[in-house]
């Protein structure tokens, strides 16, 4: 009986880890898109804001 409980807990942990990794992949993809868009907008806008403190 204990072996079945441990087996089911192992299955739940593996599926939970897989679901978590799927969510982390989506978060990473969204952050990559935001980073690329921000990089493109800074390149178009002149980008002089960072070095304007003199």
Foldseek 3Di string as FASTA:
>chain_A
DVVVVVVVVVVVVVVVVVVVVVVVVVVVVVVVVVVVVVVVVCVVVVVCPVVPDD
